[in-house]
Amino acid sequence: MLQLNGIVGGSKPIQLKPGQSIDVQTIVIDVPNGKKLVLKSLNFLLSNDAFVFKVEALPSTGTFIARGGSGDLQPNKVLFNNKTGDGVRIFLNISVINKAKNTRTLDRNSCWLLKLARV
């Protein structure tokens, strides 16, 4: 089991225009051959209900999107299934998207906790 937590941080809030996205964290995870990278649980708190929390495993197409600005979820979502015959390095990218029709502010104390497994 892997845990990943983060906070927006910085010296001032971030203004996001309608439809604008911002990457807030990217890490590298190695997935051995024959294993899956699974998002077991997600707990997040963003400063506005219009924000969407997005987790992507790149370069694969595995994506999980949570709406509503906050949540304590157990998606059990497969983000990557390694059937390549070799170990693969995945870039796990976390971003926030403003789905409102006006500019919203992402506070510095917006945060998240992900629990992931290689199974």
PDB file of N, CA and C in Angstrom:
ATOM      1  N   MET A   1       0.855  -1.179   0.000  1.00  0.00           N
ATOM      2  CA  MET A   1       0.000   0.000   0.000  1.00  0.00           C
ATOM      3  C   MET A   1       0.895   1.234   0.000  1.00  0.00           C
ATOM      4  N   LEU A   2       0.549   2.193  -0.817  1.00  0.00           N
ATOM      5  CA  LEU A   2       1.239   3.474  -0.900  1.00  0.00           C
ATOM      6  C   LEU A   2       0.285   4.566  -0.444  1.00  0.00           C
ATOM      7  N   GLN A   3       0.800   5.539   0.273  1.00  0.00           N
ATOM      8  CA  GLN A   3       0.016   6.710   0.644  1.00  0.00           C
ATOM      9  C   GLN A   3       0.653   7.936   0.026  1.00  0.00           C
ATOM     10  N   LEU A   4      -0.185   8.814  -0.469  1.00  0.00           N
ATOM     11  CA  LEU A   4       0.275  10.069  -1.044  1.00  0.00           C
ATOM     12  C   LEU A   4      -0.612  11.176  -0.494  1.00  0.00           C
ATOM     13  N   ASN A   5       0.015  12.165   0.110  1.00  0.00           N
ATOM     14  CA  ASN A   5      -0.770  13.307   0.564  1.00  0.00           C
ATOM     15  C   ASN A   5      -0.134  14.579   0.041  1.00  0.00           C
ATOM     16  N   GLY A   6      -0.920  15.619   0.004  1.00  0.00           N
ATOM     17  CA  GLY A   6      -0.414  16.887  -0.490  1.00  0.00           C
ATOM     18  C   GLY A   6      -1.293  18.031  -0.056  1.00  0.00           C
ATOM     19  N   ILE A   7      -0.728  19.214  -0.215  1.00  0.00           N
ATOM     20  CA  ILE A   7      -1.426  20.458   0.095  1.00  0.00           C
ATOM     21  C   ILE A   7      -1.024  21.468  -0.972  1.00  0.00           C
ATOM     22  N   VAL A   8      -1.924  22.343  -1.361  1.00  0.00           N
ATOM     23  CA  VAL A   8      -1.627  23.322  -2.407  1.00  0.00           C
ATOM     24  C   VAL A   8      -0.445  24.191  -1.994  1.00  0.00           C
ATOM     25  N   GLY A   9      -0.479  24.723  -0.774  1.00  0.00           N
ATOM     26  CA  GLY A   9       0.637  25.521  -0.267  1.00  0.00           C
ATOM     27  C   GLY A   9       0.847  26.812  -1.042  1.00  0.00           C
ATOM     28  N   GLY A  10       2.080  27.288  -1.058  1.00  0.00           N
ATOM     29  CA  GLY A  10       2.400  28.539  -1.729  1.00  0.00           C
ATOM     30  C   GLY A  10       2.210  29.730  -0.819  1.00  0.00           C
ATOM     31  N   SER A  11       2.394  30.912  -1.389  1.00  0.00           N
ATOM     32  CA  SER A  11       2.310  32.130  -0.584  1.00  0.00           C
ATOM     33  C   SER A  11       0.984  32.865  -0.733  1.00  0.00           C
ATOM     34  N   LYS A  12       0.162  32.453  -1.720  1.00  0.00           N
ATOM     35  CA  LYS A  12      -1.138  33.107  -1.905  1.00  0.00           C
ATOM     36  C   LYS A  12      -2.094  32.149  -2.617  1.00  0.00           C
ATOM     37  N   PRO A  13      -3.409  32.374  -2.492  1.00  0.00           N
ATOM     38  CA  PRO A  13      -4.392  31.544  -3.182  1.00  0.00           C
ATOM     39  C   PRO A  13      -4.205  31.624  -4.699  1.00  0.00           C
ATOM     40  N   ILE A  14      -4.722  30.615  -5.397  1.00  0.00           N
ATOM     41  CA  ILE A  14      -4.589  30.530  -6.846  1.00  0.00           C
ATOM     42  C   ILE A  14      -5.937  30.822  -7.492  1.00  0.00           C
ATOM     43  N   GLN A  15      -5.969  31.790  -8.394  1.00  0.00           N
ATOM     44  CA  GLN A  15      -7.182  32.122  -9.136  1.00  0.00           C
ATOM     45  C   GLN A  15      -7.292  31.192 -10.351  1.00  0.00           C
ATOM     46  N   LEU A  16      -8.430  30.502 -10.482  1.00  0.00           N
ATOM     47  CA  LEU A  16      -8.670  29.638 -11.631  1.00  0.00           C
ATOM     48  C   LEU A  16      -9.874  30.160 -12.402  1.00  0.00           C
ATOM     49  N   LYS A  17      -9.666  30.454 -13.664  1.00  0.00           N
ATOM     50  CA  LYS A  17     -10.747  30.915 -14.535  1.00  0.00           C
ATOM     51  C   LYS A  17     -11.668  29.751 -14.872  1.00  0.00           C
ATOM     52  N   PRO A  18     -12.844  30.017 -15.421  1.00  0.00           N
ATOM     53  CA  PRO A  18     -13.765  28.940 -15.787  1.00  0.00           C
ATOM     54  C   PRO A  18     -13.088  27.934 -16.716  1.00  0.00           C
ATOM     55  N   GLY A  19     -13.191  26.649 -16.359  1.00  0.00           N
ATOM     56  CA  GLY A  19     -12.612  25.590 -17.174  1.00  0.00           C
ATOM     57  C   GLY A  19     -11.107  25.407 -17.019  1.00  0.00           C
ATOM     58  N   GLN A  20     -10.457  26.291 -16.285  1.00  0.00           N
ATOM     59  CA  GLN A  20      -9.005  26.216 -16.127  1.00  0.00           C
ATOM     60  C   GLN A  20      -8.619  25.084 -15.179  1.00  0.00           C
ATOM     61  N   SER A  21      -7.492  24.451 -15.491  1.00  0.00           N
ATOM     62  CA  SER A  21      -6.953  23.357 -14.695  1.00  0.00           C
ATOM     63  C   SER A  21      -5.563  23.724 -14.212  1.00  0.00           C
ATOM     64  N   ILE A  22      -5.192  23.210 -13.026  1.00  0.00           N
ATOM     65  CA  ILE A  22      -3.842  23.414 -12.523  1.00  0.00           C
ATOM     66  C   ILE A  22      -3.340  22.094 -11.943  1.00  0.00           C
ATOM     67  N   ASP A  23      -2.119  21.709 -12.331  1.00  0.00           N
ATOM     68  CA  ASP A  23      -1.480  20.533 -11.752  1.00  0.00           C
ATOM     69  C   ASP A  23      -0.967  20.913 -10.372  1.00  0.00           C
ATOM     70  N   VAL A  24      -1.333  20.126  -9.354  1.00  0.00           N
ATOM     71  CA  VAL A  24      -0.919  20.438  -7.996  1.00  0.00           C
ATOM     72  C   VAL A  24       0.110  19.448  -7.443  1.00  0.00           C
ATOM     73  N   GLN A  25       0.245  18.276  -8.099  1.00  0.00           N
ATOM     74  CA  GLN A  25       1.245  17.313  -7.649  1.00  0.00           C
ATOM     75  C   GLN A  25       1.472  16.263  -8.735  1.00  0.00           C
ATOM     76  N   THR A  26       2.735  15.885  -8.916  1.00  0.00           N
ATOM     77  CA  THR A  26       3.096  14.798  -9.818  1.00  0.00           C
ATOM     78  C   THR A  26       4.196  13.981  -9.152  1.00  0.00           C
ATOM     79  N   ILE A  27       4.009  12.661  -9.127  1.00  0.00           N
ATOM     80  CA  ILE A  27       5.041  11.783  -8.590  1.00  0.00           C
ATOM     81  C   ILE A  27       5.245  10.618  -9.554  1.00  0.00           C
ATOM     82  N   VAL A  28       6.310   9.875  -9.326  1.00  0.00           N
ATOM     83  CA  VAL A  28       6.645   8.713 -10.141  1.00  0.00           C
ATOM     84  C   VAL A  28       6.373   7.457  -9.324  1.00  0.00           C
ATOM     85  N   ILE A  29       5.711   6.480  -9.949  1.00  0.00           N
ATOM     86  CA  ILE A  29       5.457   5.188  -9.313  1.00  0.00           C
ATOM     87  C   ILE A  29       5.834   4.094 -10.305  1.00  0.00           C
ATOM     88  N   ASP A  30       6.663   3.152  -9.857  1.00  0.00           N
ATOM     89  CA  ASP A  30       7.012   2.006 -10.693  1.00  0.00           C
ATOM     90  C   ASP A  30       5.985   0.905 -10.476  1.00  0.00           C
ATOM     91  N   VAL A  31       5.485   0.354 -11.594  1.00  0.00           N
ATOM     92  CA  VAL A  31       4.507  -0.726 -11.541  1.00  0.00           C
ATOM     93  C   VAL A  31       5.151  -1.960 -12.174  1.00  0.00           C
ATOM     94  N   PRO A  32       5.402  -3.001 -11.372  1.00  0.00           N
ATOM     95  CA  PRO A  32       6.020  -4.212 -11.918  1.00  0.00           C
ATOM     96  C   PRO A  32       5.122  -4.893 -12.956  1.00  0.00           C
ATOM     97  N   ASN A  33       5.747  -5.685 -13.801  1.00  0.00           N
ATOM     98  CA  ASN A  33       5.004  -6.447 -14.800  1.00  0.00           C
ATOM     99  C   ASN A  33       3.958  -7.333 -14.115  1.00  0.00           C
ATOM    100  N   GLY A  34       2.771  -7.376 -14.692  1.00  0.00           N
ATOM    101  CA  GLY A  34       1.694  -8.210 -14.168  1.00  0.00           C
ATOM    102  C   GLY A  34       0.934  -7.595 -13.002  1.00  0.00           C
ATOM    103  N   LYS A  35       1.285  -6.390 -12.602  1.00  0.00           N
ATOM    104  CA  LYS A  35       0.609  -5.724 -11.487  1.00  0.00           C
ATOM    105  C   LYS A  35      -0.269  -4.578 -11.986  1.00  0.00           C
ATOM    106  N   LYS A  36      -1.240  -4.215 -11.158  1.00  0.00           N
ATOM    107  CA  LYS A  36      -2.117  -3.082 -11.426  1.00  0.00           C
ATOM    108  C   LYS A  36      -1.842  -1.997 -10.395  1.00  0.00           C
ATOM    109  N   LEU A  37      -1.976  -0.744 -10.816  1.00  0.00           N
ATOM    110  CA  LEU A  37      -1.946   0.380  -9.889  1.00  0.00           C
ATOM    111  C   LEU A  37      -3.400   0.764  -9.630  1.00  0.00           C
ATOM    112  N   VAL A  38      -3.823   0.628  -8.369  1.00  0.00           N
ATOM    113  CA  VAL A  38      -5.228   0.817  -8.011  1.00  0.00           C
ATOM    114  C   VAL A  38      -5.358   1.955  -7.000  1.00  0.00           C
ATOM    115  N   LEU A  39      -6.266   2.900  -7.290  1.00  0.00           N
ATOM    116  CA  LEU A  39      -6.620   3.952  -6.342  1.00  0.00           C
ATOM    117  C   LEU A  39      -7.658   3.369  -5.392  1.00  0.00           C
ATOM    118  N   LYS A  40      -7.216   3.035  -4.175  1.00  0.00           N
ATOM    119  CA  LYS A  40      -8.095   2.395  -3.201  1.00  0.00           C
ATOM    120  C   LYS A  40      -9.007   3.400  -2.506  1.00  0.00           C
ATOM    121  N   SER A  41      -8.416   4.509  -2.056  1.00  0.00           N
ATOM    122  CA  SER A  41      -9.237   5.513  -1.380  1.00  0.00           C
ATOM    123  C   SER A  41      -8.697   6.913  -1.638  1.00  0.00           C
ATOM    124  N   LEU A  42      -9.570   7.867  -1.489  1.00  0.00           N
ATOM    125  CA  LEU A  42      -9.254   9.278  -1.713  1.00  0.00           C
ATOM    126  C   LEU A  42     -10.027  10.107  -0.705  1.00  0.00           C
ATOM    127  N   ASN A  43      -9.313  10.958   0.007  1.00  0.00           N
ATOM    128  CA  ASN A  43      -9.929  11.916   0.914  1.00  0.00           C
ATOM    129  C   ASN A  43      -9.383  13.276   0.498  1.00  0.00           C
ATOM    130  N   PHE A  44     -10.256  14.200   0.155  1.00  0.00           N
ATOM    131  CA  PHE A  44      -9.790  15.504  -0.310  1.00  0.00           C
ATOM    132  C   PHE A  44     -10.708  16.618   0.165  1.00  0.00           C
ATOM    133  N   LEU A  45     -10.119  17.797   0.292  1.00  0.00           N
ATOM    134  CA  LEU A  45     -10.868  18.989   0.669  1.00  0.00           C
ATOM    135  C   LEU A  45     -10.324  20.156  -0.152  1.00  0.00           C
ATOM    136  N   LEU A  46     -11.152  20.651  -1.049  1.00  0.00           N
ATOM    137  CA  LEU A  46     -10.805  21.820  -1.861  1.00  0.00           C
ATOM    138  C   LEU A  46     -11.644  22.995  -1.377  1.00  0.00           C
ATOM    139  N   SER A  47     -11.201  24.196  -1.668  1.00  0.00           N
ATOM    140  CA  SER A  47     -11.825  25.386  -1.090  1.00  0.00           C
ATOM    141  C   SER A  47     -13.150  25.790  -1.721  1.00  0.00           C
ATOM    142  N   ASN A  48     -13.626  25.044  -2.724  1.00  0.00           N
ATOM    143  CA  ASN A  48     -14.860  25.428  -3.387  1.00  0.00           C
ATOM    144  C   ASN A  48     -15.518  24.197  -3.999  1.00  0.00           C
ATOM    145  N   ASP A  49     -16.836  24.094  -3.892  1.00  0.00           N
ATOM    146  CA  ASP A  49     -17.562  22.951  -4.450  1.00  0.00           C
ATOM    147  C   ASP A  49     -17.515  22.886  -5.973  1.00  0.00           C
ATOM    148  N   ALA A  50     -17.155  23.977  -6.628  1.00  0.00           N
ATOM    149  CA  ALA A  50     -17.074  23.984  -8.098  1.00  0.00           C
ATOM    150  C   ALA A  50     -15.806  23.292  -8.606  1.00  0.00           C
ATOM    151  N   PHE A  51     -14.872  23.012  -7.713  1.00  0.00           N
ATOM    152  CA  PHE A  51     -13.623  22.380  -8.131  1.00  0.00           C
ATOM    153  C   PHE A  51     -13.779  20.872  -8.278  1.00  0.00           C
ATOM    154  N   VAL A  52     -13.103  20.346  -9.282  1.00  0.00           N
ATOM    155  CA  VAL A  52     -13.050  18.915  -9.558  1.00  0.00           C
ATOM    156  C   VAL A  52     -11.631  18.444  -9.267  1.00  0.00           C
ATOM    157  N   PHE A  53     -11.497  17.309  -8.604  1.00  0.00           N
ATOM    158  CA  PHE A  53     -10.207  16.718  -8.266  1.00  0.00           C
ATOM    159  C   PHE A  53      -9.949  15.579  -9.251  1.00  0.00           C
ATOM    160  N   LYS A  54      -8.810  15.607  -9.930  1.00  0.00           N
ATOM    161  CA  LYS A  54      -8.520  14.635 -10.984  1.00  0.00           C
ATOM    162  C   LYS A  54      -7.199  13.927 -10.701  1.00  0.00           C
ATOM    163  N   VAL A  55      -7.223  12.591 -10.781  1.00  0.00           N
ATOM    164  CA  VAL A  55      -6.037  11.754 -10.619  1.00  0.00           C
ATOM    165  C   VAL A  55      -5.820  11.023 -11.938  1.00  0.00           C
ATOM    166  N   GLU A  56      -4.613  11.157 -12.510  1.00  0.00           N
ATOM    167  CA  GLU A  56      -4.293  10.509 -13.780  1.00  0.00           C
ATOM    168  C   GLU A  56      -3.006   9.701 -13.655  1.00  0.00           C
ATOM    169  N   ALA A  57      -2.993   8.534 -14.276  1.00  0.00           N
ATOM    170  CA  ALA A  57      -1.773   7.742 -14.400  1.00  0.00           C
ATOM    171  C   ALA A  57      -1.300   7.911 -15.840  1.00  0.00           C
ATOM    172  N   LEU A  58      -0.193   8.595 -16.010  1.00  0.00           N
ATOM    173  CA  LEU A  58       0.301   8.897 -17.357  1.00  0.00           C
ATOM    174  C   LEU A  58       1.541   8.063 -17.654  1.00  0.00           C
ATOM    175  N   PRO A  59       1.722   7.528 -18.814  1.00  0.00           N
ATOM    176  CA  PRO A  59       1.036   7.826 -20.060  1.00  0.00           C
ATOM    177  C   PRO A  59      -0.198   6.976 -20.344  1.00  0.00           C
ATOM    178  N   SER A  60      -0.697   6.185 -19.389  1.00  0.00           N
ATOM    179  CA  SER A  60      -1.890   5.380 -19.656  1.00  0.00           C
ATOM    180  C   SER A  60      -3.128   6.274 -19.680  1.00  0.00           C
ATOM    181  N   THR A  61      -4.271   5.659 -19.866  1.00  0.00           N
ATOM    182  CA  THR A  61      -5.525   6.424 -19.914  1.00  0.00           C
ATOM    183  C   THR A  61      -6.284   6.357 -18.588  1.00  0.00           C
ATOM    184  N   GLY A  62      -5.666   5.777 -17.560  1.00  0.00           N
ATOM    185  CA  GLY A  62      -6.337   5.647 -16.269  1.00  0.00           C
ATOM    186  C   GLY A  62      -6.562   6.988 -15.603  1.00  0.00           C
ATOM    187  N   THR A  63      -7.838   7.309 -15.345  1.00  0.00           N
ATOM    188  CA  THR A  63      -8.214   8.585 -14.750  1.00  0.00           C
ATOM    189  C   THR A  63      -9.345   8.379 -13.759  1.00  0.00           C
ATOM    190  N   PHE A  64      -9.279   9.132 -12.654  1.00  0.00           N
ATOM    191  CA  PHE A  64     -10.387   9.175 -11.713  1.00  0.00           C
ATOM    192  C   PHE A  64     -10.706  10.630 -11.426  1.00  0.00           C
ATOM    193  N   ILE A  65     -11.989  10.982 -11.519  1.00  0.00           N
ATOM    194  CA  ILE A  65     -12.429  12.356 -11.290  1.00  0.00           C
ATOM    195  C   ILE A  65     -13.452  12.373 -10.158  1.00  0.00           C
ATOM    196  N   ALA A  66     -13.232  13.265  -9.194  1.00  0.00           N
ATOM    197  CA  ALA A  66     -14.159  13.440  -8.078  1.00  0.00           C
ATOM    198  C   ALA A  66     -14.683  14.868  -8.103  1.00  0.00           C
ATOM    199  N   ARG A  67     -15.985  15.018  -8.040  1.00  0.00           N
ATOM    200  CA  ARG A  67     -16.626  16.327  -8.094  1.00  0.00           C
ATOM    201  C   ARG A  67     -17.087  16.753  -6.702  1.00  0.00           C
ATOM    202  N   GLY A  68     -17.442  18.020  -6.571  1.00  0.00           N
ATOM    203  CA  GLY A  68     -18.074  18.498  -5.355  1.00  0.00           C
ATOM    204  C   GLY A  68     -17.170  19.169  -4.348  1.00  0.00           C
ATOM    205  N   GLY A  69     -15.880  19.271  -4.627  1.00  0.00           N
ATOM    206  CA  GLY A  69     -14.995  20.030  -3.750  1.00  0.00           C
ATOM    207  C   GLY A  69     -14.450  19.301  -2.545  1.00  0.00           C
ATOM    208  N   SER A  70     -15.084  18.191  -2.140  1.00  0.00           N
ATOM    209  CA  SER A  70     -14.565  17.413  -1.020  1.00  0.00           C
ATOM    210  C   SER A  70     -15.148  16.013  -1.081  1.00  0.00           C
ATOM    211  N   GLY A  71     -14.502  15.111  -0.367  1.00  0.00           N
ATOM    212  CA  GLY A  71     -15.028  13.760  -0.328  1.00  0.00           C
ATOM    213  C   GLY A  71     -14.120  12.799   0.408  1.00  0.00           C
ATOM    214  N   ASP A  72     -14.712  11.692   0.827  1.00  0.00           N
ATOM    215  CA  ASP A  72     -14.011  10.578   1.438  1.00  0.00           C
ATOM    216  C   ASP A  72     -14.505   9.344   0.684  1.00  0.00           C
ATOM    217  N   LEU A  73     -13.751   8.942  -0.337  1.00  0.00           N
ATOM    218  CA  LEU A  73     -14.215   7.966  -1.312  1.00  0.00           C
ATOM    219  C   LEU A  73     -13.360   6.708  -1.316  1.00  0.00           C
ATOM    220  N   GLN A  74     -13.938   5.598  -1.719  1.00  0.00           N
ATOM    221  CA  GLN A  74     -13.229   4.336  -1.907  1.00  0.00           C
ATOM    222  C   GLN A  74     -13.499   3.856  -3.336  1.00  0.00           C
ATOM    223  N   PRO A  75     -12.856   4.483  -4.327  1.00  0.00           N
ATOM    224  CA  PRO A  75     -13.176   4.168  -5.716  1.00  0.00           C
ATOM    225  C   PRO A  75     -12.703   2.790  -6.182  1.00  0.00           C
ATOM    226  N   ASN A  76     -11.639   2.259  -5.582  1.00  0.00           N
ATOM    227  CA  ASN A  76     -11.067   0.981  -6.022  1.00  0.00           C
ATOM    228  C   ASN A  76     -10.893   0.972  -7.544  1.00  0.00           C
ATOM    229  N   LYS A  77     -10.374   2.064  -8.072  1.00  0.00           N
ATOM    230  CA  LYS A  77     -10.243   2.294  -9.511  1.00  0.00           C
ATOM    231  C   LYS A  77      -8.862   1.866 -10.005  1.00  0.00           C
ATOM    232  N   VAL A  78      -8.833   0.999 -11.022  1.00  0.00           N
ATOM    233  CA  VAL A  78      -7.571   0.610 -11.647  1.00  0.00           C
ATOM    234  C   VAL A  78      -7.115   1.768 -12.530  1.00  0.00           C
ATOM    235  N   LEU A  79      -5.955   2.329 -12.202  1.00  0.00           N
ATOM    236  CA  LEU A  79      -5.398   3.432 -12.987  1.00  0.00           C
ATOM    237  C   LEU A  79      -4.448   2.933 -14.066  1.00  0.00           C
ATOM    238  N   PHE A  80      -3.817   1.787 -13.809  1.00  0.00           N
ATOM    239  CA  PHE A  80      -2.892   1.216 -14.794  1.00  0.00           C
ATOM    240  C   PHE A  80      -2.792  -0.286 -14.572  1.00  0.00           C
ATOM    241  N   ASN A  81      -2.883  -1.044 -15.665  1.00  0.00           N
ATOM    242  CA  ASN A  81      -2.739  -2.496 -15.641  1.00  0.00           C
ATOM    243  C   ASN A  81      -1.528  -2.844 -16.489  1.00  0.00           C
ATOM    244  N   ASN A  82      -0.445  -3.260 -15.852  1.00  0.00           N
ATOM    245  CA  ASN A  82       0.806  -3.504 -16.567  1.00  0.00           C
ATOM    246  C   ASN A  82       0.842  -4.906 -17.169  1.00  0.00           C
ATOM    247  N   LYS A  83       0.587  -4.975 -18.451  1.00  0.00           N
ATOM    248  CA  LYS A  83       0.663  -6.216 -19.214  1.00  0.00           C
ATOM    249  C   LYS A  83       1.758  -6.120 -20.272  1.00  0.00           C
ATOM    250  N   THR A  84       2.768  -5.290 -20.046  1.00  0.00           N
ATOM    251  CA  THR A  84       3.793  -5.010 -21.058  1.00  0.00           C
ATOM    252  C   THR A  84       4.893  -6.056 -21.122  1.00  0.00           C
ATOM    253  N   GLY A  85       5.035  -6.866 -20.060  1.00  0.00           N
ATOM    254  CA  GLY A  85       6.142  -7.811 -20.011  1.00  0.00           C
ATOM    255  C   GLY A  85       7.371  -7.223 -19.331  1.00  0.00           C
ATOM    256  N   ASP A  86       7.274  -5.990 -18.886  1.00  0.00           N
ATOM    257  CA  ASP A  86       8.377  -5.291 -18.233  1.00  0.00           C
ATOM    258  C   ASP A  86       7.820  -4.362 -17.160  1.00  0.00           C
ATOM    259  N   GLY A  87       8.676  -3.884 -16.267  1.00  0.00           N
ATOM    260  CA  GLY A  87       8.256  -2.871 -15.313  1.00  0.00           C
ATOM    261  C   GLY A  87       8.005  -1.554 -16.035  1.00  0.00           C
ATOM    262  N   VAL A  88       7.043  -0.784 -15.551  1.00  0.00           N
ATOM    263  CA  VAL A  88       6.698   0.490 -16.184  1.00  0.00           C
ATOM    264  C   VAL A  88       6.707   1.592 -15.125  1.00  0.00           C
ATOM    265  N   ARG A  89       7.277   2.724 -15.493  1.00  0.00           N
ATOM    266  CA  ARG A  89       7.270   3.907 -14.629  1.00  0.00           C
ATOM    267  C   ARG A  89       6.078   4.777 -15.018  1.00  0.00           C
ATOM    268  N   ILE A  90       5.211   5.019 -14.047  1.00  0.00           N
ATOM    269  CA  ILE A  90       4.002   5.808 -14.254  1.00  0.00           C
ATOM    270  C   ILE A  90       4.182   7.173 -13.585  1.00  0.00           C
ATOM    271  N   PHE A  91       3.697   8.203 -14.245  1.00  0.00           N
ATOM    272  CA  PHE A  91       3.636   9.535 -13.649  1.00  0.00           C
ATOM    273  C   PHE A  91       2.215   9.724 -13.126  1.00  0.00           C
ATOM    274  N   LEU A  92       2.081   9.776 -11.821  1.00  0.00           N
ATOM    275  CA  LEU A  92       0.775   9.991 -11.216  1.00  0.00           C
ATOM    276  C   LEU A  92       0.594  11.488 -11.057  1.00  0.00           C
ATOM    277  N   ASN A  93      -0.369  12.038 -11.780  1.00  0.00           N
ATOM    278  CA  ASN A  93      -0.585  13.485 -11.809  1.00  0.00           C
ATOM    279  C   ASN A  93      -1.907  13.825 -11.140  1.00  0.00           C
ATOM    280  N   ILE A  94      -1.863  14.821 -10.266  1.00  0.00           N
ATOM    281  CA  ILE A  94      -3.057  15.299  -9.574  1.00  0.00           C
ATOM    282  C   ILE A  94      -3.305  16.741  -9.988  1.00  0.00           C
ATOM    283  N   SER A  95      -4.535  17.010 -10.391  1.00  0.00           N
ATOM    284  CA  SER A  95      -4.877  18.364 -10.817  1.00  0.00           C
ATOM    285  C   SER A  95      -6.241  18.761 -10.264  1.00  0.00           C
ATOM    286  N   VAL A  96      -6.483  20.062 -10.305  1.00  0.00           N
ATOM    287  CA  VAL A  96      -7.758  20.637  -9.880  1.00  0.00           C
ATOM    288  C   VAL A  96      -8.298  21.439 -11.057  1.00  0.00           C
ATOM    289  N   ILE A  97      -9.592  21.283 -11.331  1.00  0.00           N
ATOM    290  CA  ILE A  97     -10.244  21.954 -12.462  1.00  0.00           C
ATOM    291  C   ILE A  97     -11.410  22.786 -11.936  1.00  0.00           C
ATOM    292  N   ASN A  98     -11.521  24.015 -12.426  1.00  0.00           N
ATOM    293  CA  ASN A  98     -12.649  24.880 -12.081  1.00  0.00           C
ATOM    294  C   ASN A  98     -13.784  24.620 -13.072  1.00  0.00           C
ATOM    295  N   LYS A  99     -14.877  24.024 -12.604  1.00  0.00           N
ATOM    296  CA  LYS A  99     -16.035  23.737 -13.458  1.00  0.00           C
ATOM    297  C   LYS A  99     -17.103  24.830 -13.385  1.00  0.00           C
ATOM    298  N   ALA A 100     -16.834  25.890 -12.633  1.00  0.00           N
ATOM    299  CA  ALA A 100     -17.797  26.998 -12.522  1.00  0.00           C
ATOM    300  C   ALA A 100     -17.754  27.870 -13.772  1.00  0.00           C
ATOM    301  N   LYS A 101     -18.734  28.748 -13.900  1.00  0.00           N
ATOM    302  CA  LYS A 101     -18.797  29.669 -15.037  1.00  0.00           C
ATOM    303  C   LYS A 101     -18.135  30.999 -14.722  1.00  0.00           C
ATOM    304  N   ASN A 102     -17.496  31.071 -13.553  1.00  0.00           N
ATOM    305  CA  ASN A 102     -16.762  32.280 -13.182  1.00  0.00           C
ATOM    306  C   ASN A 102     -15.461  31.891 -12.481  1.00  0.00           C
ATOM    307  N   THR A 103     -14.596  32.844 -12.260  1.00  0.00           N
ATOM    308  CA  THR A 103     -13.312  32.596 -11.613  1.00  0.00           C
ATOM    309  C   THR A 103     -13.516  32.228 -10.147  1.00  0.00           C
ATOM    310  N   ARG A 104     -12.781  31.222  -9.697  1.00  0.00           N
ATOM    311  CA  ARG A 104     -12.841  30.772  -8.308  1.00  0.00           C
ATOM    312  C   ARG A 104     -11.424  30.722  -7.738  1.00  0.00           C
ATOM    313  N   THR A 105     -11.330  30.762  -6.414  1.00  0.00           N
ATOM    314  CA  THR A 105     -10.041  30.785  -5.732  1.00  0.00           C
ATOM    315  C   THR A 105      -9.769  29.446  -5.065  1.00  0.00           C
ATOM    316  N   LEU A 106      -8.608  28.866  -5.393  1.00  0.00           N
ATOM    317  CA  LEU A 106      -8.134  27.639  -4.755  1.00  0.00           C
ATOM    318  C   LEU A 106      -7.237  28.048  -3.595  1.00  0.00           C
ATOM    319  N   ASP A 107      -7.698  27.794  -2.368  1.00  0.00           N
ATOM    320  CA  ASP A 107      -6.946  28.190  -1.181  1.00  0.00           C
ATOM    321  C   ASP A 107      -5.685  27.360  -0.995  1.00  0.00           C
ATOM    322  N   ARG A 108      -4.715  27.938  -0.310  1.00  0.00           N
ATOM    323  CA  ARG A 108      -3.433  27.287  -0.061  1.00  0.00           C
ATOM    324  C   ARG A 108      -3.565  26.052   0.824  1.00  0.00           C
ATOM    325  N   ASN A 109      -4.623  25.986   1.651  1.00  0.00           N
ATOM    326  CA  ASN A 109      -4.778  24.851   2.552  1.00  0.00           C
ATOM    327  C   ASN A 109      -5.629  23.723   1.976  1.00  0.00           C
ATOM    328  N   SER A 110      -6.000  23.786   0.709  1.00  0.00           N
ATOM    329  CA  SER A 110      -6.695  22.682   0.056  1.00  0.00           C
ATOM    330  C   SER A 110      -5.746  21.473   0.045  1.00  0.00           C
ATOM    331  N   CYS A 111      -6.281  20.279   0.358  1.00  0.00           N
ATOM    332  CA  CYS A 111      -5.386  19.143   0.574  1.00  0.00           C
ATOM    333  C   CYS A 111      -6.043  17.821   0.145  1.00  0.00           C
ATOM    334  N   TRP A 112      -5.225  16.735   0.158  1.00  0.00           N
ATOM    335  CA  TRP A 112      -5.689  15.429  -0.276  1.00  0.00           C
ATOM    336  C   TRP A 112      -4.838  14.337   0.345  1.00  0.00           C
ATOM    337  N   LEU A 113      -5.432  13.135   0.396  1.00  0.00           N
ATOM    338  CA  LEU A 113      -4.758  11.912   0.821  1.00  0.00           C
ATOM    339  C   LEU A 113      -5.252  10.792  -0.074  1.00  0.00           C
ATOM    340  N   LEU A 114      -4.329  10.147  -0.761  1.00  0.00           N
ATOM    341  CA  LEU A 114      -4.652   9.007  -1.623  1.00  0.00           C
ATOM    342  C   LEU A 114      -4.007   7.759  -1.052  1.00  0.00           C
ATOM    343  N   LYS A 115      -4.709   6.654  -1.126  1.00  0.00           N
ATOM    344  CA  LYS A 115      -4.136   5.349  -0.811  1.00  0.00           C
ATOM    345  C   LYS A 115      -4.198   4.525  -2.092  1.00  0.00           C
ATOM    346  N   LEU A 116      -3.013   4.046  -2.484  1.00  0.00           N
ATOM    347  CA  LEU A 116      -2.861   3.302  -3.726  1.00  0.00           C
ATOM    348  C   LEU A 116      -2.266   1.936  -3.426  1.00  0.00           C
ATOM    349  N   ALA A 117      -2.526   0.978  -4.300  1.00  0.00           N
ATOM    350  CA  ALA A 117      -1.940  -0.350  -4.140  1.00  0.00           C
ATOM    351  C   ALA A 117      -1.445  -0.843  -5.493  1.00  0.00           C
ATOM    352  N   ARG A 118      -0.370  -1.613  -5.445  1.00  0.00           N
ATOM    353  CA  ARG A 118       0.114  -2.360  -6.619  1.00  0.00           C
ATOM    354  C   ARG A 118      -0.251  -3.809  -6.364  1.00  0.00           C
ATOM    355  N   VAL A 119      -1.284  -4.261  -7.048  1.00  0.00           N
ATOM    356  CA  VAL A 119      -1.811  -5.621  -6.815  1.00  0.00           C
ATOM    357  C   VAL A 119      -1.733  -6.481  -8.067  1.00  0.00           C
TER     358      VAL A 119
END
